[in-house]
Amino acid sequence: MVPGEALISYLPYTHSFEQMLFGFCIMQQLRIGFYSGDPTRIAEDCSILKPHFFPSVPRLYNKIYSKIKGTFEAATGCKKWLVNRGLGSKQAA
């Protein structure tokens, strides 16, 4: 990371990972952007801040994975075929 690059802060400050990131940013002279407070708007906040680094925790990745998996499972017809074809080619590689 280069001084002046940014990261987005959305974890509560009491989280040990967030405290470590905050200290790291200060030592590396990085910018810290704080999200709006609405978890459903994190993508919008990222588009405004344009962070170079998006630190996260496994719980968020699990939520994203579940949402994507649910969308794939709900697909029908041609979309379902494309999803299965794409996932099949990814697993074969």
C-alpha atoms as a PDB file:
ATOM      1  CA  MET A   1       0.000   0.000   0.000  1.00  0.00           C
ATOM      2  CA  VAL A   2       1.134   3.492  -0.843  1.00  0.00           C
ATOM      3  CA  PRO A   3       0.547   6.560   1.356  1.00  0.00           C
ATOM      4  CA  GLY A   4      -2.681   8.282   0.328  1.00  0.00           C
ATOM      5  CA  GLU A   5      -4.503   5.128  -0.765  1.00  0.00           C
ATOM      6  CA  ALA A   6      -7.834   4.496   0.902  1.00  0.00           C
ATOM      7  CA  LEU A   7      -9.744   1.784   2.680  1.00  0.00           C
ATOM      8  CA  ILE A   8     -13.342   1.686   3.823  1.00  0.00           C
ATOM      9  CA  SER A   9     -14.180   1.239   7.485  1.00  0.00           C
ATOM     10  CA  TYR A  10     -17.511  -0.434   8.246  1.00  0.00           C
ATOM     11  CA  LEU A  11     -16.770  -2.706  11.195  1.00  0.00           C
ATOM     12  CA  PRO A  12     -17.536  -1.462  14.718  1.00  0.00           C
ATOM     13  CA  TYR A  13     -14.459   0.086  16.305  1.00  0.00           C
ATOM     14  CA  THR A  14     -14.710  -2.372  19.201  1.00  0.00           C
ATOM     15  CA  HIS A  15     -13.868  -5.176  16.743  1.00  0.00           C
ATOM     16  CA  SER A  16     -10.196  -6.108  17.197  1.00  0.00           C
ATOM     17  CA  PHE A  17      -9.672  -6.365  13.426  1.00  0.00           C
ATOM     18  CA  GLU A  18     -10.974  -2.813  12.958  1.00  0.00           C
ATOM     19  CA  GLN A  19      -8.649  -1.495  15.664  1.00  0.00           C
ATOM     20  CA  MET A  20      -5.684  -3.196  14.005  1.00  0.00           C
ATOM     21  CA  LEU A  21      -6.657  -1.743  10.609  1.00  0.00           C
ATOM     22  CA  PHE A  22      -7.009   1.739  12.064  1.00  0.00           C
ATOM     23  CA  GLY A  23      -3.502   1.569  13.572  1.00  0.00           C
ATOM     24  CA  PHE A  24      -2.093   0.146  10.325  1.00  0.00           C
ATOM     25  CA  CYS A  25      -3.650   3.013   8.331  1.00  0.00           C
ATOM     26  CA  ILE A  26      -2.164   5.615  10.609  1.00  0.00           C
ATOM     27  CA  MET A  27       1.302   4.058  10.415  1.00  0.00           C
ATOM     28  CA  GLN A  28       1.118   3.704   6.609  1.00  0.00           C
ATOM     29  CA  GLN A  29      -0.437   7.173   6.068  1.00  0.00           C
ATOM     30  CA  LEU A  30      -3.546   5.751   4.412  1.00  0.00           C
ATOM     31  CA  ARG A  31      -6.924   7.448   4.094  1.00  0.00           C
ATOM     32  CA  ILE A  32      -9.852   5.915   5.980  1.00  0.00           C
ATOM     33  CA  GLY A  33     -13.391   6.339   4.662  1.00  0.00           C
ATOM     34  CA  PHE A  34     -16.243   5.560   7.008  1.00  0.00           C
ATOM     35  CA  TYR A  35     -19.409   4.058   5.555  1.00  0.00           C
ATOM     36  CA  SER A  36     -22.750   5.815   5.866  1.00  0.00           C
ATOM     37  CA  GLY A  37     -23.985   3.522   8.627  1.00  0.00           C
ATOM     38  CA  ASP A  38     -26.430   1.605   6.447  1.00  0.00           C
ATOM     39  CA  PRO A  39     -25.070  -1.885   5.667  1.00  0.00           C
ATOM     40  CA  THR A  40     -27.244  -2.132   2.554  1.00  0.00           C
ATOM     41  CA  ARG A  41     -25.433   0.893   1.080  1.00  0.00           C
ATOM     42  CA  ILE A  42     -21.838  -0.349   1.432  1.00  0.00           C
ATOM     43  CA  ALA A  43     -21.577  -0.803  -2.357  1.00  0.00           C
ATOM     44  CA  GLU A  44     -22.718   2.803  -2.881  1.00  0.00           C
ATOM     45  CA  ASP A  45     -20.259   4.030  -0.247  1.00  0.00           C
ATOM     46  CA  CYS A  46     -17.464   2.130  -2.025  1.00  0.00           C
ATOM     47  CA  SER A  47     -18.366   3.759  -5.338  1.00  0.00           C
ATOM     48  CA  ILE A  48     -17.995   7.183  -3.706  1.00  0.00           C
ATOM     49  CA  LEU A  49     -14.793   6.468  -1.755  1.00  0.00           C
ATOM     50  CA  LYS A  50     -13.166   4.141  -4.328  1.00  0.00           C
ATOM     51  CA  PRO A  51     -11.122   2.245  -1.719  1.00  0.00           C
ATOM     52  CA  HIS A  52      -7.918   0.519  -2.779  1.00  0.00           C
ATOM     53  CA  PHE A  53      -8.344  -1.980   0.037  1.00  0.00           C
ATOM     54  CA  PHE A  54     -11.545  -3.610   1.355  1.00  0.00           C
ATOM     55  CA  PRO A  55     -10.757  -5.442   4.583  1.00  0.00           C
ATOM     56  CA  SER A  56     -13.463  -7.802   5.697  1.00  0.00           C
ATOM     57  CA  VAL A  57     -14.384 -10.635   8.009  1.00  0.00           C
ATOM     58  CA  PRO A  58     -15.607 -14.149   7.157  1.00  0.00           C
ATOM     59  CA  ARG A  59     -19.153 -13.418   8.294  1.00  0.00           C
ATOM     60  CA  LEU A  60     -19.634 -10.849   5.532  1.00  0.00           C
ATOM     61  CA  TYR A  61     -18.207 -13.213   2.907  1.00  0.00           C
ATOM     62  CA  ASN A  62     -20.606 -15.930   4.101  1.00  0.00           C
ATOM     63  CA  LYS A  63     -23.554 -13.548   3.681  1.00  0.00           C
ATOM     64  CA  ILE A  64     -22.441 -12.576   0.172  1.00  0.00           C
ATOM     65  CA  TYR A  65     -21.945 -16.241  -0.747  1.00  0.00           C
ATOM     66  CA  SER A  66     -25.408 -17.180   0.547  1.00  0.00           C
ATOM     67  CA  LYS A  67     -27.034 -14.356  -1.431  1.00  0.00           C
ATOM     68  CA  ILE A  68     -25.284 -15.327  -4.667  1.00  0.00           C
ATOM     69  CA  LYS A  69     -25.995 -19.024  -4.149  1.00  0.00           C
ATOM     70  CA  GLY A  70     -29.684 -18.282  -3.513  1.00  0.00           C
ATOM     71  CA  THR A  71     -29.872 -16.232  -6.711  1.00  0.00           C
ATOM     72  CA  PHE A  72     -28.265 -19.059  -8.696  1.00  0.00           C
ATOM     73  CA  GLU A  73     -30.621 -21.652  -7.220  1.00  0.00           C
ATOM     74  CA  ALA A  74     -33.657 -19.502  -8.076  1.00  0.00           C
ATOM     75  CA  ALA A  75     -32.646 -19.221 -11.745  1.00  0.00           C
ATOM     76  CA  THR A  76     -34.730 -21.067 -14.303  1.00  0.00           C
ATOM     77  CA  GLY A  77     -34.569 -21.874 -17.996  1.00  0.00           C
ATOM     78  CA  CYS A  78     -31.722 -20.381 -19.970  1.00  0.00           C
ATOM     79  CA  LYS A  79     -30.311 -18.569 -16.933  1.00  0.00           C
ATOM     80  CA  LYS A  80     -30.155 -21.852 -15.004  1.00  0.00           C
ATOM     81  CA  TRP A  81     -28.359 -23.533 -17.921  1.00  0.00           C
ATOM     82  CA  LEU A  82     -25.830 -20.676 -18.166  1.00  0.00           C
ATOM     83  CA  VAL A  83     -25.178 -20.739 -14.415  1.00  0.00           C
ATOM     84  CA  ASN A  84     -24.673 -24.504 -14.409  1.00  0.00           C
ATOM     85  CA  ARG A  85     -22.462 -24.322 -17.485  1.00  0.00           C
ATOM     86  CA  GLY A  86     -20.333 -21.528 -15.986  1.00  0.00           C
ATOM     87  CA  LEU A  87     -19.959 -23.223 -12.619  1.00  0.00           C
ATOM     88  CA  GLY A  88     -19.197 -26.548 -14.305  1.00  0.00           C
ATOM     89  CA  SER A  89     -16.408 -25.041 -16.389  1.00  0.00           C
ATOM     90  CA  LYS A  90     -14.966 -23.298 -13.319  1.00  0.00           C
ATOM     91  CA  GLN A  91     -14.905 -26.540 -11.329  1.00  0.00           C
ATOM     92  CA  ALA A  92     -13.300 -28.443 -14.200  1.00  0.00           C
ATOM     93  CA  ALA A  93     -10.411 -25.976 -14.444  1.00  0.00           C
END
